[in-house]
């Protein structure tokens, strides 16, 4: 049976920022992947980065270093 697990969700106001996040993280083997925005969150572009919970400070630093604009970060429970 599937269980709900915590995940850090990073939202973006523009699709280009979400895509830049995917390219940046894949090139550096950073954990996570692009997902459609979960129903629990309302945000701009419809895409979000899902990664490990508790990585907020690390990903704020990553986003600042990469110059990627982001909207919000929130840890929520997601299926699977």
PDB file of N, CA and C in Angstrom:
ATOM      1  N   UNK A   1       0.837  -1.180   0.000  1.00  0.00           N
ATOM      2  CA  UNK A   1       0.000   0.000   0.000  1.00  0.00           C
ATOM      3  C   UNK A   1       0.886   1.249   0.000  1.00  0.00           C
ATOM      4  N   UNK A   2       0.531   2.193  -0.834  1.00  0.00           N
ATOM      5  CA  UNK A   2       1.299   3.445  -0.907  1.00  0.00           C
ATOM      6  C   UNK A   2       1.112   4.250   0.366  1.00  0.00           C
ATOM      7  N   UNK A   3       2.165   4.958   0.733  1.00  0.00           N
ATOM      8  CA  UNK A   3       2.104   5.820   1.904  1.00  0.00           C
ATOM      9  C   UNK A   3       2.442   7.244   1.518  1.00  0.00           C
ATOM     10  N   UNK A   4       1.954   8.164   2.304  1.00  0.00           N
ATOM     11  CA  UNK A   4       2.309   9.568   2.105  1.00  0.00           C
ATOM     12  C   UNK A   4       3.671   9.803   2.742  1.00  0.00           C
ATOM     13  N   UNK A   5       4.529  10.523   2.023  1.00  0.00           N
ATOM     14  CA  UNK A   5       5.878  10.813   2.508  1.00  0.00           C
ATOM     15  C   UNK A   5       6.136  12.308   2.386  1.00  0.00           C
ATOM     16  N   UNK A   6       6.898  12.881   3.323  1.00  0.00           N
ATOM     17  CA  UNK A   6       7.209  14.303   3.211  1.00  0.00           C
ATOM     18  C   UNK A   6       8.159  14.583   2.050  1.00  0.00           C
ATOM     19  N   UNK A   7       7.966  15.724   1.420  1.00  0.00           N
ATOM     20  CA  UNK A   7       8.832  16.166   0.320  1.00  0.00           C
ATOM     21  C   UNK A   7       8.911  17.681   0.360  1.00  0.00           C
ATOM     22  N   UNK A   8      10.076  18.210   0.021  1.00  0.00           N
ATOM     23  CA  UNK A   8      10.237  19.651  -0.121  1.00  0.00           C
ATOM     24  C   UNK A   8       9.819  20.025  -1.535  1.00  0.00           C
ATOM     25  N   UNK A   9       8.903  20.971  -1.642  1.00  0.00           N
ATOM     26  CA  UNK A   9       8.394  21.423  -2.936  1.00  0.00           C
ATOM     27  C   UNK A   9       8.825  22.873  -3.136  1.00  0.00           C
ATOM     28  N   UNK A  10       9.463  23.140  -4.271  1.00  0.00           N
ATOM     29  CA  UNK A  10       9.893  24.490  -4.627  1.00  0.00           C
ATOM     30  C   UNK A  10       9.077  24.919  -5.839  1.00  0.00           C
ATOM     31  N   UNK A  11       8.381  26.044  -5.710  1.00  0.00           N
ATOM     32  CA  UNK A  11       7.538  26.512  -6.809  1.00  0.00           C
ATOM     33  C   UNK A  11       8.191  27.697  -7.519  1.00  0.00           C
ATOM     34  N   UNK A  12       7.750  27.907  -8.740  1.00  0.00           N
ATOM     35  CA  UNK A  12       8.301  28.941  -9.612  1.00  0.00           C
ATOM     36  C   UNK A  12       7.165  29.723 -10.249  1.00  0.00           C
ATOM     37  N   UNK A  13       7.411  30.998 -10.531  1.00  0.00           N
ATOM     38  CA  UNK A  13       6.375  31.794 -11.190  1.00  0.00           C
ATOM     39  C   UNK A  13       6.454  31.681 -12.708  1.00  0.00           C
ATOM     40  N   UNK A  14       7.603  31.215 -13.221  1.00  0.00           N
ATOM     41  CA  UNK A  14       7.777  31.088 -14.670  1.00  0.00           C
ATOM     42  C   UNK A  14       8.305  29.699 -15.026  1.00  0.00           C
ATOM     43  N   UNK A  15       7.795  29.154 -16.107  1.00  0.00           N
ATOM     44  CA  UNK A  15       8.229  27.847 -16.584  1.00  0.00           C
ATOM     45  C   UNK A  15       9.725  27.829 -16.891  1.00  0.00           C
ATOM     46  N   UNK A  16      10.252  28.936 -17.385  1.00  0.00           N
ATOM     47  CA  UNK A  16      11.685  28.987 -17.704  1.00  0.00           C
ATOM     48  C   UNK A  16      12.541  28.796 -16.453  1.00  0.00           C
ATOM     49  N   UNK A  17      12.088  29.303 -15.323  1.00  0.00           N
ATOM     50  CA  UNK A  17      12.829  29.102 -14.069  1.00  0.00           C
ATOM     51  C   UNK A  17      12.774  27.641 -13.631  1.00  0.00           C
ATOM     52  N   UNK A  18      11.623  27.011 -13.788  1.00  0.00           N
ATOM     53  CA  UNK A  18      11.490  25.595 -13.436  1.00  0.00           C
ATOM     54  C   UNK A  18      12.402  24.736 -14.318  1.00  0.00           C
ATOM     55  N   UNK A  19      12.442  25.046 -15.601  1.00  0.00           N
ATOM     56  CA  UNK A  19      13.300  24.294 -16.521  1.00  0.00           C
ATOM     57  C   UNK A  19      14.784  24.538 -16.215  1.00  0.00           C
ATOM     58  N   UNK A  20      15.127  25.772 -15.862  1.00  0.00           N
ATOM     59  CA  UNK A  20      16.513  26.085 -15.491  1.00  0.00           C
ATOM     60  C   UNK A  20      16.915  25.292 -14.247  1.00  0.00           C
ATOM     61  N   UNK A  21      15.985  25.135 -13.319  1.00  0.00           N
ATOM     62  CA  UNK A  21      16.255  24.348 -12.109  1.00  0.00           C
ATOM     63  C   UNK A  21      16.547  22.896 -12.480  1.00  0.00           C
ATOM     64  N   UNK A  22      15.753  22.332 -13.366  1.00  0.00           N
ATOM     65  CA  UNK A  22      15.961  20.952 -13.786  1.00  0.00           C
ATOM     66  C   UNK A  22      17.333  20.783 -14.437  1.00  0.00           C
ATOM     67  N   UNK A  23      17.675  21.660 -15.341  1.00  0.00           N
ATOM     68  CA  UNK A  23      18.966  21.580 -16.041  1.00  0.00           C
ATOM     69  C   UNK A  23      20.120  21.724 -15.050  1.00  0.00           C
ATOM     70  N   UNK A  24      20.021  22.710 -14.156  1.00  0.00           N
ATOM     71  CA  UNK A  24      21.076  22.979 -13.177  1.00  0.00           C
ATOM     72  C   UNK A  24      21.277  21.771 -12.243  1.00  0.00           C
ATOM     73  N   UNK A  25      20.195  21.247 -11.730  1.00  0.00           N
ATOM     74  CA  UNK A  25      20.288  20.132 -10.771  1.00  0.00           C
ATOM     75  C   UNK A  25      20.755  18.840 -11.438  1.00  0.00           C
ATOM     76  N   UNK A  26      20.283  18.561 -12.637  1.00  0.00           N
ATOM     77  CA  UNK A  26      20.716  17.349 -13.332  1.00  0.00           C
ATOM     78  C   UNK A  26      22.205  17.406 -13.648  1.00  0.00           C
ATOM     79  N   UNK A  27      22.709  18.566 -14.035  1.00  0.00           N
ATOM     80  CA  UNK A  27      24.131  18.713 -14.373  1.00  0.00           C
ATOM     81  C   UNK A  27      25.025  18.511 -13.155  1.00  0.00           C
ATOM     82  N   UNK A  28      24.471  18.721 -11.959  1.00  0.00           N
ATOM     83  CA  UNK A  28      25.251  18.607 -10.726  1.00  0.00           C
ATOM     84  C   UNK A  28      24.834  17.412  -9.867  1.00  0.00           C
ATOM     85  N   UNK A  29      24.018  16.535 -10.423  1.00  0.00           N
ATOM     86  CA  UNK A  29      23.532  15.345  -9.722  1.00  0.00           C
ATOM     87  C   UNK A  29      22.882  15.670  -8.382  1.00  0.00           C
ATOM     88  N   UNK A  30      22.119  16.754  -8.355  1.00  0.00           N
ATOM     89  CA  UNK A  30      21.383  17.135  -7.153  1.00  0.00           C
ATOM     90  C   UNK A  30      20.058  16.378  -7.113  1.00  0.00           C
ATOM     91  N   UNK A  31      19.602  16.006  -5.920  1.00  0.00           N
ATOM     92  CA  UNK A  31      18.383  15.203  -5.827  1.00  0.00           C
ATOM     93  C   UNK A  31      17.128  15.991  -6.185  1.00  0.00           C
ATOM     94  N   UNK A  32      16.200  15.320  -6.844  1.00  0.00           N
ATOM     95  CA  UNK A  32      14.910  15.914  -7.125  1.00  0.00           C
ATOM     96  C   UNK A  32      14.499  15.751  -8.579  1.00  0.00           C
ATOM     97  N   UNK A  33      13.278  16.251  -8.857  1.00  0.00           N
ATOM     98  CA  UNK A  33      12.751  16.196 -10.214  1.00  0.00           C
ATOM     99  C   UNK A  33      11.602  17.183 -10.344  1.00  0.00           C
ATOM    100  N   UNK A  34      11.307  17.561 -11.578  1.00  0.00           N
ATOM    101  CA  UNK A  34      10.158  18.427 -11.843  1.00  0.00           C
ATOM    102  C   UNK A  34       8.875  17.625 -11.748  1.00  0.00           C
ATOM    103  N   UNK A  35       7.864  18.237 -11.131  1.00  0.00           N
ATOM    104  CA  UNK A  35       6.548  17.604 -11.032  1.00  0.00           C
ATOM    105  C   UNK A  35       5.478  18.663 -11.296  1.00  0.00           C
ATOM    106  N   UNK A  36       4.276  18.226 -11.643  1.00  0.00           N
ATOM    107  CA  UNK A  36       3.167  19.199 -11.689  1.00  0.00           C
ATOM    108  C   UNK A  36       2.900  19.686 -10.259  1.00  0.00           C
ATOM    109  N   UNK A  37       2.477  20.910 -10.115  1.00  0.00           N
ATOM    110  CA  UNK A  37       2.226  21.446  -8.772  1.00  0.00           C
ATOM    111  C   UNK A  37       1.140  20.624  -8.083  1.00  0.00           C
ATOM    112  N   UNK A  38       1.408  20.153  -6.872  1.00  0.00           N
ATOM    113  CA  UNK A  38       0.397  19.391  -6.129  1.00  0.00           C
ATOM    114  C   UNK A  38      -0.836  20.248  -5.833  1.00  0.00           C
ATOM    115  N   UNK A  39      -1.968  19.603  -5.683  1.00  0.00           N
ATOM    116  CA  UNK A  39      -3.225  20.299  -5.406  1.00  0.00           C
ATOM    117  C   UNK A  39      -3.171  21.138  -4.132  1.00  0.00           C
ATOM    118  N   UNK A  40      -2.340  20.738  -3.186  1.00  0.00           N
ATOM    119  CA  UNK A  40      -2.255  21.430  -1.902  1.00  0.00           C
ATOM    120  C   UNK A  40      -1.614  22.812  -2.020  1.00  0.00           C
ATOM    121  N   UNK A  41      -0.990  23.088  -3.155  1.00  0.00           N
ATOM    122  CA  UNK A  41      -0.253  24.335  -3.341  1.00  0.00           C
ATOM    123  C   UNK A  41      -0.809  25.075  -4.551  1.00  0.00           C
ATOM    124  N   UNK A  42      -0.920  26.385  -4.430  1.00  0.00           N
ATOM    125  CA  UNK A  42      -1.261  27.201  -5.594  1.00  0.00           C
ATOM    126  C   UNK A  42      -0.040  28.051  -5.921  1.00  0.00           C
ATOM    127  N   UNK A  43       0.360  28.038  -7.160  1.00  0.00           N
ATOM    128  CA  UNK A  43       1.542  28.797  -7.583  1.00  0.00           C
ATOM    129  C   UNK A  43       1.456  29.085  -9.069  1.00  0.00           C
ATOM    130  N   UNK A  44       2.392  29.902  -9.511  1.00  0.00           N
ATOM    131  CA  UNK A  44       2.414  30.458 -10.849  1.00  0.00           C
ATOM    132  C   UNK A  44       2.410  29.542 -12.035  1.00  0.00           C
ATOM    133  N   UNK A  45       3.510  28.867 -12.318  1.00  0.00           N
ATOM    134  CA  UNK A  45       3.686  28.258 -13.639  1.00  0.00           C
ATOM    135  C   UNK A  45       3.126  26.847 -13.798  1.00  0.00           C
ATOM    136  N   UNK A  46       2.774  26.182 -12.728  1.00  0.00           N
ATOM    137  CA  UNK A  46       2.238  24.831 -12.840  1.00  0.00           C
ATOM    138  C   UNK A  46       3.269  23.738 -12.648  1.00  0.00           C
ATOM    139  N   UNK A  47       4.554  24.107 -12.538  1.00  0.00           N
ATOM    140  CA  UNK A  47       5.616  23.131 -12.297  1.00  0.00           C
ATOM    141  C   UNK A  47       6.306  23.428 -10.970  1.00  0.00           C
ATOM    142  N   UNK A  48       6.814  22.374 -10.341  1.00  0.00           N
ATOM    143  CA  UNK A  48       7.529  22.522  -9.075  1.00  0.00           C
ATOM    144  C   UNK A  48       8.685  21.535  -9.043  1.00  0.00           C
ATOM    145  N   UNK A  49       9.672  21.824  -8.216  1.00  0.00           N
ATOM    146  CA  UNK A  49      10.792  20.913  -7.998  1.00  0.00           C
ATOM    147  C   UNK A  49      10.518  20.156  -6.711  1.00  0.00           C
ATOM    148  N   UNK A  50      10.540  18.845  -6.789  1.00  0.00           N
ATOM    149  CA  UNK A  50      10.327  17.985  -5.625  1.00  0.00           C
ATOM    150  C   UNK A  50      11.677  17.409  -5.220  1.00  0.00           C
ATOM    151  N   UNK A  51      12.017  17.543  -3.940  1.00  0.00           N
ATOM    152  CA  UNK A  51      13.277  17.011  -3.446  1.00  0.00           C
ATOM    153  C   UNK A  51      13.104  16.510  -2.009  1.00  0.00           C
ATOM    154  N   UNK A  52      14.202  16.158  -1.396  1.00  0.00           N
ATOM    155  CA  UNK A  52      14.187  15.596  -0.052  1.00  0.00           C
ATOM    156  C   UNK A  52      13.756  16.631   0.986  1.00  0.00           C
ATOM    157  N   UNK A  53      12.962  16.221   1.971  1.00  0.00           N
ATOM    158  CA  UNK A  53      12.568  17.161   3.020  1.00  0.00           C
ATOM    159  C   UNK A  53      13.787  17.559   3.857  1.00  0.00           C
ATOM    160  N   UNK A  54      13.735  18.733   4.454  1.00  0.00           N
ATOM    161  CA  UNK A  54      14.815  19.193   5.304  1.00  0.00           C
ATOM    162  C   UNK A  54      15.984  19.814   4.555  1.00  0.00           C
ATOM    163  N   UNK A  55      15.864  19.980   3.264  1.00  0.00           N
ATOM    164  CA  UNK A  55      16.943  20.535   2.436  1.00  0.00           C
ATOM    165  C   UNK A  55      16.702  22.005   2.094  1.00  0.00           C
ATOM    166  N   UNK A  56      15.837  22.672   2.838  1.00  0.00           N
ATOM    167  CA  UNK A  56      15.457  24.054   2.542  1.00  0.00           C
ATOM    168  C   UNK A  56      16.672  24.972   2.403  1.00  0.00           C
ATOM    169  N   UNK A  57      17.511  25.008   3.429  1.00  0.00           N
ATOM    170  CA  UNK A  57      18.662  25.924   3.424  1.00  0.00           C
ATOM    171  C   UNK A  57      19.607  25.615   2.267  1.00  0.00           C
ATOM    172  N   UNK A  58      19.828  24.338   2.011  1.00  0.00           N
ATOM    173  CA  UNK A  58      20.712  23.937   0.909  1.00  0.00           C
ATOM    174  C   UNK A  58      20.171  24.430  -0.434  1.00  0.00           C
ATOM    175  N   UNK A  59      18.873  24.261  -0.647  1.00  0.00           N
ATOM    176  CA  UNK A  59      18.306  24.653  -1.930  1.00  0.00           C
ATOM    177  C   UNK A  59      18.140  26.164  -2.070  1.00  0.00           C
ATOM    178  N   UNK A  60      17.999  26.890  -0.982  1.00  0.00           N
ATOM    179  CA  UNK A  60      18.014  28.353  -1.072  1.00  0.00           C
ATOM    180  C   UNK A  60      19.384  28.786  -1.590  1.00  0.00           C
ATOM    181  N   UNK A  61      20.431  28.196  -1.035  1.00  0.00           N
ATOM    182  CA  UNK A  61      21.798  28.513  -1.471  1.00  0.00           C
ATOM    183  C   UNK A  61      22.006  28.126  -2.937  1.00  0.00           C
ATOM    184  N   UNK A  62      21.536  26.952  -3.327  1.00  0.00           N
ATOM    185  CA  UNK A  62      21.670  26.488  -4.716  1.00  0.00           C
ATOM    186  C   UNK A  62      20.965  27.446  -5.673  1.00  0.00           C
ATOM    187  N   UNK A  63      19.750  27.843  -5.336  1.00  0.00           N
ATOM    188  CA  UNK A  63      18.981  28.746  -6.189  1.00  0.00           C
ATOM    189  C   UNK A  63      19.660  30.108  -6.309  1.00  0.00           C
ATOM    190  N   UNK A  64      20.194  30.594  -5.204  1.00  0.00           N
ATOM    191  CA  UNK A  64      20.887  31.888  -5.240  1.00  0.00           C
ATOM    192  C   UNK A  64      22.151  31.800  -6.091  1.00  0.00           C
ATOM    193  N   UNK A  65      22.928  30.731  -5.921  1.00  0.00           N
ATOM    194  CA  UNK A  65      24.153  30.548  -6.709  1.00  0.00           C
ATOM    195  C   UNK A  65      23.853  30.451  -8.203  1.00  0.00           C
ATOM    196  N   UNK A  66      22.758  29.764  -8.528  1.00  0.00           N
ATOM    197  CA  UNK A  66      22.394  29.559  -9.926  1.00  0.00           C
ATOM    198  C   UNK A  66      21.676  30.772 -10.528  1.00  0.00           C
ATOM    199  N   UNK A  67      21.225  31.679  -9.684  1.00  0.00           N
ATOM    200  CA  UNK A  67      20.482  32.837 -10.177  1.00  0.00           C
ATOM    201  C   UNK A  67      19.087  32.484 -10.660  1.00  0.00           C
ATOM    202  N   UNK A  68      18.506  31.440 -10.080  1.00  0.00           N
ATOM    203  CA  UNK A  68      17.166  30.990 -10.472  1.00  0.00           C
ATOM    204  C   UNK A  68      16.136  31.606  -9.528  1.00  0.00           C
ATOM    205  N   UNK A  69      15.122  32.240 -10.118  1.00  0.00           N
ATOM    206  CA  UNK A  69      14.051  32.838  -9.324  1.00  0.00           C
ATOM    207  C   UNK A  69      13.055  31.764  -8.917  1.00  0.00           C
ATOM    208  N   UNK A  70      12.650  31.787  -7.653  1.00  0.00           N
ATOM    209  CA  UNK A  70      11.674  30.826  -7.156  1.00  0.00           C
ATOM    210  C   UNK A  70      10.608  31.569  -6.374  1.00  0.00           C
ATOM    211  N   UNK A  71       9.477  30.928  -6.232  1.00  0.00           N
ATOM    212  CA  UNK A  71       8.329  31.567  -5.605  1.00  0.00           C
ATOM    213  C   UNK A  71       8.211  31.205  -4.127  1.00  0.00           C
ATOM    214  N   UNK A  72       8.196  29.899  -3.828  1.00  0.00           N
ATOM    215  CA  UNK A  72       8.006  29.453  -2.448  1.00  0.00           C
ATOM    216  C   UNK A  72       8.601  28.068  -2.253  1.00  0.00           C
ATOM    217  N   UNK A  73       8.854  27.730  -0.986  1.00  0.00           N
ATOM    218  CA  UNK A  73       9.295  26.385  -0.596  1.00  0.00           C
ATOM    219  C   UNK A  73       8.388  25.920   0.519  1.00  0.00           C
ATOM    220  N   UNK A  74       7.963  24.683   0.402  1.00  0.00           N
ATOM    221  CA  UNK A  74       7.065  24.143   1.414  1.00  0.00           C
ATOM    222  C   UNK A  74       7.261  22.638   1.495  1.00  0.00           C
ATOM    223  N   UNK A  75       7.294  22.110   2.703  1.00  0.00           N
ATOM    224  CA  UNK A  75       7.343  20.663   2.891  1.00  0.00           C
ATOM    225  C   UNK A  75       5.926  20.161   3.079  1.00  0.00           C
ATOM    226  N   UNK A  76       5.520  19.227   2.223  1.00  0.00           N
ATOM    227  CA  UNK A  76       4.174  18.652   2.305  1.00  0.00           C
ATOM    228  C   UNK A  76       4.264  17.134   2.191  1.00  0.00           C
ATOM    229  N   UNK A  77       3.178  16.470   2.544  1.00  0.00           N
ATOM    230  CA  UNK A  77       3.071  15.022   2.432  1.00  0.00           C
ATOM    231  C   UNK A  77       2.502  14.676   1.055  1.00  0.00           C
ATOM    232  N   UNK A  78       3.227  13.829   0.297  1.00  0.00           N
ATOM    233  CA  UNK A  78       2.776  13.403  -1.026  1.00  0.00           C
ATOM    234  C   UNK A  78       2.714  11.880  -1.085  1.00  0.00           C
ATOM    235  N   UNK A  79       1.888  11.361  -1.955  1.00  0.00           N
ATOM    236  CA  UNK A  79       1.809   9.914  -2.146  1.00  0.00           C
ATOM    237  C   UNK A  79       3.048   9.416  -2.858  1.00  0.00           C
ATOM    238  N   UNK A  80       3.553   8.279  -2.378  1.00  0.00           N
ATOM    239  CA  UNK A  80       4.650   7.577  -3.031  1.00  0.00           C
ATOM    240  C   UNK A  80       5.890   8.332  -3.016  1.00  0.00           C
TER     241      UNK A  80
END
